[in-house]
N, C-alpha and C. Protein backbone atom coordinates (compact mmCIF):
# COMPACT_ATOMS: atom_id res chain seq x y z
N MET A 1 98.92 85.99 115.53
CA MET A 1 100.27 86.43 115.16
C MET A 1 100.72 85.69 113.90
N LEU A 2 101.08 86.46 112.89
CA LEU A 2 101.58 85.90 111.64
C LEU A 2 103.08 86.14 111.60
N GLU A 3 103.81 85.08 111.33
CA GLU A 3 105.27 85.15 111.34
C GLU A 3 105.81 84.53 110.05
N ALA A 4 106.75 85.21 109.43
CA ALA A 4 107.34 84.69 108.20
C ALA A 4 108.81 85.07 108.12
N GLU A 5 109.61 84.11 107.75
CA GLU A 5 111.00 84.34 107.41
C GLU A 5 111.22 83.60 106.11
N VAL A 6 111.13 84.33 104.99
CA VAL A 6 111.06 83.68 103.69
C VAL A 6 111.99 84.33 102.66
N GLU A 7 112.38 83.50 101.68
CA GLU A 7 113.14 83.99 100.55
C GLU A 7 112.58 83.37 99.27
N LYS A 8 112.44 84.20 98.24
CA LYS A 8 111.96 83.72 96.94
C LYS A 8 112.73 84.47 95.86
N ARG A 9 113.30 83.69 94.91
CA ARG A 9 114.10 84.28 93.84
C ARG A 9 113.40 84.15 92.49
N TYR A 10 113.43 85.24 91.72
CA TYR A 10 112.96 85.25 90.34
C TYR A 10 114.04 85.93 89.51
N SER A 11 114.91 85.16 88.89
CA SER A 11 116.07 85.67 88.13
C SER A 11 116.80 86.75 88.94
N SER A 12 116.68 88.01 88.54
CA SER A 12 117.44 89.06 89.24
C SER A 12 116.72 89.61 90.48
N PHE A 13 115.43 89.24 90.66
CA PHE A 13 114.67 89.77 91.80
C PHE A 13 114.70 88.77 92.95
N VAL A 14 114.97 89.28 94.14
CA VAL A 14 115.00 88.44 95.34
C VAL A 14 114.08 89.04 96.41
N LEU A 15 113.10 88.25 96.84
CA LEU A 15 112.27 88.63 97.97
C LEU A 15 112.87 88.00 99.22
N SER A 16 113.24 88.82 100.18
CA SER A 16 113.84 88.33 101.42
C SER A 16 113.22 89.08 102.59
N ILE A 17 112.38 88.38 103.36
CA ILE A 17 111.56 89.07 104.36
C ILE A 17 111.58 88.35 105.71
N GLN A 18 111.68 89.15 106.75
CA GLN A 18 111.44 88.69 108.12
C GLN A 18 110.27 89.52 108.65
N PHE A 19 109.23 88.84 109.09
CA PHE A 19 108.00 89.54 109.49
C PHE A 19 107.38 88.81 110.67
N LYS A 20 106.96 89.57 111.65
CA LYS A 20 106.23 89.00 112.80
C LYS A 20 105.34 90.09 113.36
N ASP A 21 104.02 89.95 113.15
CA ASP A 21 103.12 91.01 113.57
C ASP A 21 101.68 90.49 113.59
N LYS A 22 100.78 91.33 114.07
CA LYS A 22 99.37 90.97 114.15
C LYS A 22 98.54 92.24 114.08
N GLY A 23 97.22 92.08 113.97
CA GLY A 23 96.33 93.23 113.95
C GLY A 23 95.98 93.68 112.55
N ILE A 24 95.84 94.99 112.38
CA ILE A 24 95.46 95.59 111.10
C ILE A 24 96.69 96.26 110.51
N ILE A 25 97.19 95.70 109.42
CA ILE A 25 98.48 96.10 108.87
C ILE A 25 98.31 96.49 107.40
N SER A 26 98.94 97.59 107.01
CA SER A 26 98.96 97.98 105.60
C SER A 26 100.38 97.86 105.07
N ILE A 27 100.47 97.57 103.78
CA ILE A 27 101.77 97.50 103.09
C ILE A 27 101.68 98.38 101.85
N ILE A 28 102.63 99.30 101.72
CA ILE A 28 102.70 100.14 100.53
C ILE A 28 104.01 99.84 99.79
N GLY A 29 104.07 100.24 98.54
CA GLY A 29 105.27 100.02 97.75
C GLY A 29 104.94 100.09 96.27
N LYS A 30 105.96 100.30 95.47
CA LYS A 30 105.78 100.43 94.03
C LYS A 30 105.41 99.08 93.41
N ASN A 31 104.86 99.13 92.20
CA ASN A 31 104.62 97.91 91.44
C ASN A 31 105.93 97.17 91.23
N GLY A 32 105.90 95.85 91.42
CA GLY A 32 107.11 95.05 91.23
C GLY A 32 108.02 94.98 92.42
N SER A 33 107.60 95.58 93.55
CA SER A 33 108.47 95.58 94.74
C SER A 33 108.38 94.28 95.54
N GLY A 34 107.35 93.46 95.26
CA GLY A 34 107.24 92.17 95.94
C GLY A 34 106.02 92.00 96.83
N LYS A 35 105.13 92.98 96.82
CA LYS A 35 103.97 92.94 97.73
C LYS A 35 103.07 91.72 97.46
N THR A 36 102.71 91.55 96.19
CA THR A 36 101.81 90.44 95.83
C THR A 36 102.48 89.10 96.06
N THR A 37 103.75 89.00 95.73
CA THR A 37 104.49 87.74 95.96
C THR A 37 104.48 87.38 97.44
N PHE A 38 104.68 88.37 98.30
CA PHE A 38 104.68 88.11 99.74
C PHE A 38 103.32 87.59 100.20
N LEU A 39 102.23 88.22 99.76
CA LEU A 39 100.90 87.75 100.16
C LEU A 39 100.63 86.35 99.64
N LYS A 40 101.09 86.07 98.43
CA LYS A 40 100.88 84.73 97.86
C LYS A 40 101.66 83.67 98.63
N ILE A 41 102.82 84.02 99.15
CA ILE A 41 103.57 83.09 100.00
C ILE A 41 102.83 82.85 101.31
N LEU A 42 102.33 83.92 101.92
CA LEU A 42 101.59 83.77 103.18
C LEU A 42 100.35 82.90 102.99
N SER A 43 99.68 83.06 101.85
CA SER A 43 98.43 82.33 101.61
C SER A 43 98.65 80.91 101.10
N GLY A 44 99.87 80.60 100.66
CA GLY A 44 100.16 79.25 100.19
C GLY A 44 100.07 79.07 98.69
N ILE A 45 99.77 80.15 97.96
CA ILE A 45 99.71 80.05 96.50
C ILE A 45 101.11 79.84 95.92
N ILE A 46 102.10 80.48 96.53
CA ILE A 46 103.50 80.32 96.14
C ILE A 46 104.27 79.74 97.33
N GLN A 47 105.14 78.80 97.05
CA GLN A 47 106.02 78.26 98.09
C GLN A 47 107.33 79.04 98.10
N PRO A 48 107.85 79.39 99.27
CA PRO A 48 109.14 80.07 99.32
C PRO A 48 110.27 79.11 98.95
N ASP A 49 111.37 79.64 98.46
CA ASP A 49 112.55 78.81 98.20
C ASP A 49 113.20 78.40 99.52
N LYS A 50 113.15 79.32 100.47
CA LYS A 50 113.69 79.06 101.80
C LYS A 50 112.76 79.66 102.84
N GLY A 51 112.82 79.11 104.06
CA GLY A 51 112.13 79.74 105.18
C GLY A 51 110.82 79.09 105.56
N TYR A 52 110.02 79.85 106.32
CA TYR A 52 108.80 79.31 106.90
C TYR A 52 107.75 80.40 107.07
N VAL A 53 106.51 79.94 107.22
CA VAL A 53 105.39 80.81 107.59
C VAL A 53 104.70 80.16 108.78
N LYS A 54 104.46 80.94 109.82
CA LYS A 54 103.78 80.43 111.01
C LYS A 54 102.57 81.30 111.32
N LEU A 55 101.51 80.66 111.80
CA LEU A 55 100.31 81.36 112.24
C LEU A 55 100.00 80.95 113.66
N ASP A 56 100.05 81.92 114.57
CA ASP A 56 99.84 81.66 115.99
C ASP A 56 100.74 80.54 116.50
N GLY A 57 102.00 80.57 116.03
CA GLY A 57 103.00 79.61 116.49
C GLY A 57 103.01 78.29 115.75
N ARG A 58 102.06 78.06 114.87
CA ARG A 58 101.97 76.81 114.13
C ARG A 58 102.59 76.97 112.75
N ASP A 59 103.48 76.06 112.38
CA ASP A 59 104.12 76.12 111.08
C ASP A 59 103.12 75.69 110.01
N ILE A 60 102.80 76.62 109.10
CA ILE A 60 101.83 76.32 108.04
C ILE A 60 102.48 76.35 106.65
N THR A 61 103.82 76.39 106.62
CA THR A 61 104.55 76.58 105.36
C THR A 61 104.11 75.59 104.28
N ASN A 62 103.95 74.34 104.64
CA ASN A 62 103.66 73.30 103.66
C ASN A 62 102.19 72.87 103.64
N LEU A 63 101.36 73.58 104.37
CA LEU A 63 99.94 73.24 104.36
C LEU A 63 99.29 73.73 103.07
N PRO A 64 98.30 72.99 102.56
CA PRO A 64 97.58 73.47 101.37
C PRO A 64 96.78 74.73 101.69
N ILE A 65 96.39 75.44 100.66
CA ILE A 65 95.69 76.72 100.81
C ILE A 65 94.47 76.60 101.72
N ASN A 66 93.68 75.54 101.54
CA ASN A 66 92.42 75.41 102.28
C ASN A 66 92.61 75.00 103.73
N LYS A 67 93.84 74.74 104.15
CA LYS A 67 94.10 74.34 105.54
C LYS A 67 94.83 75.41 106.34
N ARG A 68 95.09 76.55 105.74
CA ARG A 68 95.96 77.54 106.38
C ARG A 68 95.20 78.55 107.26
N ASN A 69 93.89 78.63 107.10
CA ASN A 69 93.07 79.60 107.85
C ASN A 69 93.40 81.03 107.46
N ILE A 70 93.83 81.19 106.20
CA ILE A 70 94.15 82.49 105.64
C ILE A 70 93.42 82.62 104.30
N ILE A 71 92.81 83.77 104.06
CA ILE A 71 92.13 84.01 102.78
C ILE A 71 92.78 85.20 102.09
N LEU A 72 93.10 85.03 100.80
CA LEU A 72 93.65 86.11 99.99
C LEU A 72 92.58 86.65 99.05
N ILE A 73 92.37 87.97 99.09
CA ILE A 73 91.40 88.63 98.24
C ILE A 73 92.12 89.62 97.32
N ASN A 74 91.80 89.55 96.03
CA ASN A 74 92.27 90.58 95.10
C ASN A 74 91.11 90.98 94.20
N GLN A 75 91.38 91.70 93.14
CA GLN A 75 90.31 92.20 92.29
C GLN A 75 89.65 91.10 91.45
N GLU A 76 90.22 89.91 91.45
CA GLU A 76 89.70 88.82 90.62
C GLU A 76 89.11 87.67 91.44
N THR A 77 89.10 87.76 92.76
CA THR A 77 88.67 86.63 93.58
C THR A 77 87.17 86.65 93.82
N TYR A 78 86.44 86.42 92.77
CA TYR A 78 84.99 86.30 92.89
C TYR A 78 84.53 85.22 91.91
N ILE A 79 83.34 84.67 92.16
CA ILE A 79 82.78 83.64 91.30
C ILE A 79 81.68 84.30 90.48
N PRO A 80 81.90 84.54 89.19
CA PRO A 80 81.01 85.38 88.41
C PRO A 80 79.59 84.85 88.23
N ASN A 81 79.41 83.53 88.24
CA ASN A 81 78.07 82.99 87.97
C ASN A 81 77.23 82.76 89.23
N PHE A 82 77.76 83.13 90.41
CA PHE A 82 76.98 83.07 91.65
C PHE A 82 76.20 84.38 91.81
N ASN A 83 74.97 84.29 92.34
CA ASN A 83 74.32 85.52 92.74
C ASN A 83 74.94 86.01 94.04
N VAL A 84 74.63 87.23 94.43
CA VAL A 84 75.33 87.85 95.56
C VAL A 84 75.14 87.06 96.84
N LYS A 85 73.92 86.68 97.16
CA LYS A 85 73.66 85.99 98.43
C LYS A 85 74.36 84.63 98.48
N LYS A 86 74.31 83.90 97.38
CA LYS A 86 74.99 82.60 97.33
C LYS A 86 76.49 82.77 97.51
N HIS A 87 77.04 83.84 96.91
CA HIS A 87 78.47 84.12 97.02
C HIS A 87 78.86 84.41 98.46
N LEU A 88 78.05 85.21 99.15
CA LEU A 88 78.39 85.62 100.52
C LEU A 88 78.54 84.43 101.47
N ILE A 89 77.74 83.39 101.27
CA ILE A 89 77.81 82.23 102.19
C ILE A 89 78.72 81.13 101.68
N TRP A 90 79.26 81.31 100.46
CA TRP A 90 80.06 80.26 99.83
C TRP A 90 81.29 79.89 100.67
N GLY A 91 82.05 80.90 101.11
CA GLY A 91 83.26 80.64 101.89
C GLY A 91 82.97 79.95 103.20
N ALA A 92 81.93 80.42 103.89
CA ALA A 92 81.54 79.81 105.17
C ALA A 92 81.11 78.36 104.96
N LYS A 93 80.40 78.12 103.86
CA LYS A 93 79.92 76.76 103.56
C LYS A 93 81.10 75.81 103.35
N ILE A 94 82.09 76.26 102.60
CA ILE A 94 83.28 75.44 102.36
C ILE A 94 84.01 75.14 103.67
N ARG A 95 84.05 76.13 104.56
CA ARG A 95 84.74 75.96 105.85
C ARG A 95 83.85 75.32 106.91
N LYS A 96 82.62 74.97 106.49
CA LYS A 96 81.65 74.30 107.38
C LYS A 96 81.34 75.15 108.60
N ILE A 97 81.15 76.44 108.34
CA ILE A 97 80.79 77.39 109.39
C ILE A 97 79.33 77.78 109.18
N LYS A 98 78.55 77.62 110.22
CA LYS A 98 77.14 77.97 110.13
C LYS A 98 76.97 79.46 110.45
N VAL A 99 76.33 80.17 109.53
CA VAL A 99 76.15 81.61 109.69
C VAL A 99 74.66 81.93 109.64
N ASP A 100 74.22 82.70 110.61
CA ASP A 100 72.82 83.10 110.67
C ASP A 100 72.50 84.08 109.53
N GLU A 101 71.34 83.92 108.90
CA GLU A 101 70.97 84.78 107.78
C GLU A 101 70.89 86.24 108.20
N LYS A 102 70.42 86.49 109.41
CA LYS A 102 70.34 87.85 109.90
C LYS A 102 71.72 88.50 109.97
N GLU A 103 72.69 87.71 110.38
CA GLU A 103 74.07 88.21 110.46
C GLU A 103 74.60 88.55 109.07
N ILE A 104 74.30 87.72 108.08
CA ILE A 104 74.72 87.98 106.70
C ILE A 104 74.13 89.29 106.20
N ILE A 105 72.85 89.49 106.47
CA ILE A 105 72.17 90.72 106.03
C ILE A 105 72.77 91.94 106.71
N GLU A 106 73.10 91.81 108.00
CA GLU A 106 73.69 92.93 108.74
C GLU A 106 75.07 93.30 108.19
N ILE A 107 75.88 92.26 107.89
CA ILE A 107 77.21 92.50 107.33
C ILE A 107 77.10 93.15 105.96
N ALA A 108 76.18 92.63 105.14
CA ALA A 108 75.98 93.20 103.80
C ALA A 108 75.56 94.66 103.88
N LYS A 109 74.68 94.98 104.83
CA LYS A 109 74.23 96.36 105.00
C LYS A 109 75.39 97.25 105.46
N MET A 110 76.17 96.76 106.40
CA MET A 110 77.29 97.53 106.94
C MET A 110 78.33 97.85 105.86
N LEU A 111 78.50 96.90 104.93
CA LEU A 111 79.51 97.06 103.89
C LEU A 111 78.91 97.54 102.57
N ASP A 112 77.62 97.86 102.60
CA ASP A 112 76.93 98.36 101.40
C ASP A 112 77.05 97.38 100.23
N VAL A 113 76.88 96.09 100.55
CA VAL A 113 76.90 95.05 99.51
C VAL A 113 75.49 94.93 98.93
N PRO A 114 75.36 94.91 97.60
CA PRO A 114 74.03 94.89 96.97
C PRO A 114 73.37 93.51 97.04
N ILE A 115 73.00 93.09 98.24
CA ILE A 115 72.49 91.74 98.46
C ILE A 115 71.11 91.53 97.83
N ASN A 116 70.35 92.60 97.69
CA ASN A 116 68.98 92.47 97.17
C ASN A 116 68.89 92.57 95.64
N GLU A 117 70.00 92.90 95.01
CA GLU A 117 70.00 92.94 93.55
C GLU A 117 70.00 91.52 93.00
N ASN A 118 69.07 91.22 92.13
CA ASN A 118 68.99 89.88 91.55
C ASN A 118 69.96 89.77 90.37
N LYS A 119 71.23 89.93 90.70
CA LYS A 119 72.27 89.88 89.67
C LYS A 119 73.33 88.86 90.06
N LYS A 120 74.00 88.34 89.04
CA LYS A 120 75.17 87.52 89.30
C LYS A 120 76.36 88.45 89.55
N VAL A 121 77.31 87.96 90.34
CA VAL A 121 78.43 88.81 90.74
C VAL A 121 79.19 89.33 89.52
N GLY A 122 79.30 88.51 88.49
CA GLY A 122 80.00 88.92 87.28
C GLY A 122 79.36 90.10 86.57
N GLN A 123 78.10 90.40 86.89
CA GLN A 123 77.39 91.52 86.26
C GLN A 123 77.54 92.82 87.05
N LEU A 124 78.15 92.76 88.22
CA LEU A 124 78.27 93.93 89.08
C LEU A 124 79.43 94.82 88.63
N SER A 125 79.45 96.05 89.13
CA SER A 125 80.57 96.95 88.90
C SER A 125 81.82 96.41 89.58
N LEU A 126 82.98 96.91 89.19
CA LEU A 126 84.24 96.46 89.80
C LEU A 126 84.22 96.66 91.31
N GLY A 127 83.74 97.83 91.74
CA GLY A 127 83.70 98.12 93.18
C GLY A 127 82.80 97.17 93.93
N ASN A 128 81.62 96.85 93.37
CA ASN A 128 80.70 95.94 94.04
C ASN A 128 81.21 94.50 94.02
N LYS A 129 81.94 94.13 92.98
CA LYS A 129 82.58 92.81 92.98
C LYS A 129 83.57 92.70 94.14
N GLU A 130 84.34 93.77 94.35
CA GLU A 130 85.30 93.77 95.45
C GLU A 130 84.58 93.70 96.79
N LYS A 131 83.49 94.44 96.94
CA LYS A 131 82.72 94.39 98.19
C LYS A 131 82.22 92.98 98.48
N VAL A 132 81.69 92.32 97.45
CA VAL A 132 81.17 90.96 97.63
C VAL A 132 82.29 90.00 98.05
N SER A 133 83.43 90.09 97.38
CA SER A 133 84.56 89.22 97.72
C SER A 133 85.04 89.45 99.14
N LEU A 134 85.15 90.70 99.53
CA LEU A 134 85.63 91.04 100.88
C LEU A 134 84.63 90.63 101.94
N ALA A 135 83.35 90.83 101.68
CA ALA A 135 82.32 90.40 102.63
C ALA A 135 82.29 88.88 102.75
N THR A 136 82.45 88.19 101.64
CA THR A 136 82.50 86.72 101.65
C THR A 136 83.62 86.23 102.55
N ALA A 137 84.76 86.89 102.47
CA ALA A 137 85.91 86.52 103.30
C ALA A 137 85.63 86.72 104.79
N ILE A 138 85.03 87.84 105.14
CA ILE A 138 84.69 88.11 106.55
C ILE A 138 83.73 87.06 107.09
N ILE A 139 82.71 86.74 106.30
CA ILE A 139 81.69 85.78 106.74
C ILE A 139 82.28 84.39 106.94
N ALA A 140 83.34 84.07 106.19
CA ALA A 140 84.00 82.77 106.33
C ALA A 140 84.86 82.67 107.59
N ARG A 141 85.12 83.81 108.23
CA ARG A 141 85.83 83.88 109.52
C ARG A 141 87.17 83.15 109.55
N PRO A 142 88.08 83.50 108.66
CA PRO A 142 89.43 82.95 108.77
C PRO A 142 90.18 83.64 109.90
N ARG A 143 91.39 83.20 110.16
CA ARG A 143 92.22 83.87 111.15
C ARG A 143 92.83 85.15 110.58
N VAL A 144 93.16 85.12 109.27
CA VAL A 144 93.79 86.26 108.61
C VAL A 144 93.16 86.46 107.24
N ILE A 145 92.91 87.72 106.88
CA ILE A 145 92.51 88.08 105.53
C ILE A 145 93.61 88.95 104.92
N LEU A 146 94.08 88.55 103.74
CA LEU A 146 95.07 89.31 103.00
C LEU A 146 94.35 90.00 101.84
N VAL A 147 94.53 91.30 101.70
CA VAL A 147 93.82 92.06 100.67
C VAL A 147 94.86 92.70 99.74
N ASP A 148 94.89 92.22 98.50
CA ASP A 148 95.86 92.72 97.53
C ASP A 148 95.17 93.71 96.59
N GLU A 149 95.28 95.00 96.90
CA GLU A 149 94.65 96.07 96.12
C GLU A 149 93.13 95.85 95.97
N GLY A 150 92.55 95.19 96.94
CA GLY A 150 91.14 94.82 96.84
C GLY A 150 90.15 95.91 97.24
N PHE A 151 90.65 97.06 97.68
CA PHE A 151 89.78 98.19 98.01
C PHE A 151 89.76 99.25 96.91
N SER A 152 90.54 99.05 95.87
CA SER A 152 90.89 100.14 94.96
C SER A 152 89.74 100.72 94.15
N ASN A 153 88.71 99.94 93.86
CA ASN A 153 87.62 100.42 93.01
C ASN A 153 86.34 100.75 93.77
N ILE A 154 86.42 100.75 95.09
CA ILE A 154 85.23 100.94 95.92
C ILE A 154 84.94 102.43 96.13
N ASN A 155 83.70 102.83 95.88
CA ASN A 155 83.29 104.20 96.19
C ASN A 155 83.21 104.37 97.70
N ASN A 156 83.46 105.58 98.17
CA ASN A 156 83.46 105.87 99.60
C ASN A 156 84.38 104.88 100.32
N LYS A 157 85.58 104.76 99.77
CA LYS A 157 86.53 103.74 100.21
C LYS A 157 86.90 103.84 101.68
N ARG A 158 87.12 105.05 102.15
CA ARG A 158 87.54 105.20 103.55
C ARG A 158 86.49 104.66 104.51
N ASN A 159 85.23 104.99 104.27
CA ASN A 159 84.15 104.50 105.12
C ASN A 159 84.06 102.98 105.05
N PHE A 160 84.23 102.42 103.85
CA PHE A 160 84.18 100.96 103.69
C PHE A 160 85.30 100.30 104.49
N ILE A 161 86.53 100.81 104.35
CA ILE A 161 87.66 100.20 105.05
C ILE A 161 87.47 100.29 106.56
N GLU A 162 86.98 101.43 107.05
CA GLU A 162 86.71 101.58 108.48
C GLU A 162 85.72 100.52 108.97
N ASN A 163 84.64 100.34 108.23
CA ASN A 163 83.64 99.33 108.61
C ASN A 163 84.20 97.92 108.51
N TYR A 164 85.01 97.69 107.50
CA TYR A 164 85.60 96.36 107.32
C TYR A 164 86.55 96.03 108.47
N ILE A 165 87.34 97.01 108.86
CA ILE A 165 88.26 96.81 109.98
C ILE A 165 87.49 96.58 111.28
N ASN A 166 86.40 97.30 111.48
CA ASN A 166 85.58 97.10 112.68
C ASN A 166 85.02 95.67 112.73
N LEU A 167 84.56 95.17 111.58
CA LEU A 167 84.07 93.79 111.53
C LEU A 167 85.20 92.80 111.82
N ALA A 168 86.35 93.04 111.25
CA ALA A 168 87.49 92.15 111.47
C ALA A 168 87.86 92.09 112.95
N ARG A 169 87.86 93.23 113.60
CA ARG A 169 88.17 93.24 115.04
C ARG A 169 87.11 92.50 115.84
N MET A 170 85.86 92.65 115.45
CA MET A 170 84.76 91.97 116.14
C MET A 170 84.92 90.45 116.05
N TYR A 171 85.36 89.98 114.88
CA TYR A 171 85.54 88.54 114.68
C TYR A 171 86.96 88.06 114.98
N ARG A 172 87.80 88.97 115.48
CA ARG A 172 89.19 88.66 115.82
C ARG A 172 89.95 88.13 114.61
N ILE A 173 89.79 88.82 113.51
CA ILE A 173 90.49 88.50 112.27
C ILE A 173 91.57 89.55 112.04
N ASP A 174 92.80 89.11 111.79
CA ASP A 174 93.86 90.03 111.40
C ASP A 174 93.75 90.34 109.92
N ILE A 175 94.13 91.54 109.54
CA ILE A 175 94.10 91.94 108.13
C ILE A 175 95.46 92.51 107.73
N ILE A 176 95.95 92.06 106.58
CA ILE A 176 97.09 92.71 105.94
C ILE A 176 96.60 93.17 104.58
N TYR A 177 96.65 94.48 104.34
CA TYR A 177 96.18 94.97 103.05
C TYR A 177 97.25 95.79 102.33
N VAL A 178 97.37 95.48 101.05
CA VAL A 178 98.33 96.14 100.18
C VAL A 178 97.62 97.28 99.45
N THR A 179 98.27 98.41 99.40
CA THR A 179 97.67 99.57 98.73
C THR A 179 98.77 100.46 98.16
N GLN A 180 98.42 101.24 97.17
CA GLN A 180 99.33 102.27 96.68
C GLN A 180 98.82 103.66 97.05
N ASP A 181 97.74 103.70 97.81
CA ASP A 181 97.15 104.97 98.24
C ASP A 181 97.55 105.23 99.70
N ILE A 182 98.38 106.23 99.90
CA ILE A 182 98.89 106.54 101.24
C ILE A 182 97.76 106.85 102.22
N GLU A 183 96.63 107.36 101.72
CA GLU A 183 95.50 107.67 102.59
C GLU A 183 94.93 106.40 103.24
N ASP A 184 94.97 105.27 102.51
CA ASP A 184 94.45 104.01 103.05
C ASP A 184 95.23 103.54 104.27
N THR A 185 96.53 103.87 104.30
CA THR A 185 97.38 103.37 105.38
C THR A 185 97.04 104.01 106.73
N LYS A 186 96.38 105.15 106.69
CA LYS A 186 96.07 105.87 107.94
C LYS A 186 95.08 105.10 108.82
N LEU A 187 94.38 104.13 108.23
CA LEU A 187 93.41 103.34 108.99
C LEU A 187 94.03 102.09 109.61
N ALA A 188 95.27 101.80 109.26
CA ALA A 188 95.96 100.62 109.80
C ALA A 188 96.62 100.94 111.14
N GLU A 189 96.86 99.90 111.91
CA GLU A 189 97.59 100.07 113.17
C GLU A 189 99.08 100.23 112.92
N LYS A 190 99.57 99.55 111.86
CA LYS A 190 100.98 99.65 111.48
C LYS A 190 101.07 99.65 109.96
N THR A 191 102.10 100.30 109.45
CA THR A 191 102.32 100.33 108.00
C THR A 191 103.76 99.92 107.69
N TYR A 192 103.88 99.06 106.69
CA TYR A 192 105.19 98.61 106.21
C TYR A 192 105.39 99.11 104.78
N MET A 193 106.65 99.31 104.44
CA MET A 193 107.03 99.67 103.08
C MET A 193 107.76 98.48 102.45
N MET A 194 107.29 98.06 101.26
CA MET A 194 107.98 97.03 100.49
C MET A 194 108.82 97.71 99.43
N GLU A 195 110.11 97.40 99.42
CA GLU A 195 111.01 98.00 98.45
C GLU A 195 112.06 96.98 98.04
N ASN A 196 112.07 96.67 96.73
CA ASN A 196 113.07 95.73 96.18
C ASN A 196 113.12 94.41 96.95
N GLY A 197 111.92 93.89 97.29
CA GLY A 197 111.86 92.59 97.94
C GLY A 197 112.11 92.59 99.43
N SER A 198 112.25 93.77 100.03
CA SER A 198 112.46 93.88 101.48
C SER A 198 111.30 94.64 102.12
N LEU A 199 110.98 94.26 103.34
CA LEU A 199 109.85 94.87 104.06
C LEU A 199 110.38 95.62 105.28
N LYS A 200 109.93 96.87 105.42
CA LYS A 200 110.41 97.69 106.53
C LYS A 200 109.23 98.39 107.19
N LEU A 201 109.18 98.32 108.51
CA LEU A 201 108.15 99.02 109.29
C LEU A 201 108.42 100.51 109.25
N ILE A 202 107.42 101.30 108.82
CA ILE A 202 107.63 102.76 108.75
C ILE A 202 106.82 103.52 109.80
N HIS A 203 105.69 102.95 110.24
CA HIS A 203 104.97 103.54 111.39
C HIS A 203 103.86 102.61 111.83
């Protein structure tokens, strides 16, 4: 369960949110509505001016990013000079989680990650970079994965998101993903609308 009651001000823009939910959640909204700011507050990249963030009842508001058990993925969260296989185990290694190689190969196959290509991640297409980042996050097994437009360049996106959600459920990982594509929200258990810094449950 992720819980947040936060406020953040940027001159004329005010983000003011009360949120308490779990599972597979999508957030839609226009550019500039506050979606990315909210995810950055949850992940610890930005501190709120007021309020708190709790994970499973534990206050994590002031914890550093690496102690929150939350991973934020966007279109830029990859290490360009790592090869694909090294990248996939990087997050787990940092979190001191031992992962079986067979499991890594199975996850890569399920998500159509090009694990056998002898390329560095920076040389991959935008869609494959996103796949590698998202797979790396799953293998690291955090409590929550936040995805900020991180599915946008993936071919066969619906099938990828379905498989990603299935993996998340298997590992008991909650996902909050931001999208501007209404079709993506159909795969979530709940969908919220972000508008002018406010979050509202729509279905």
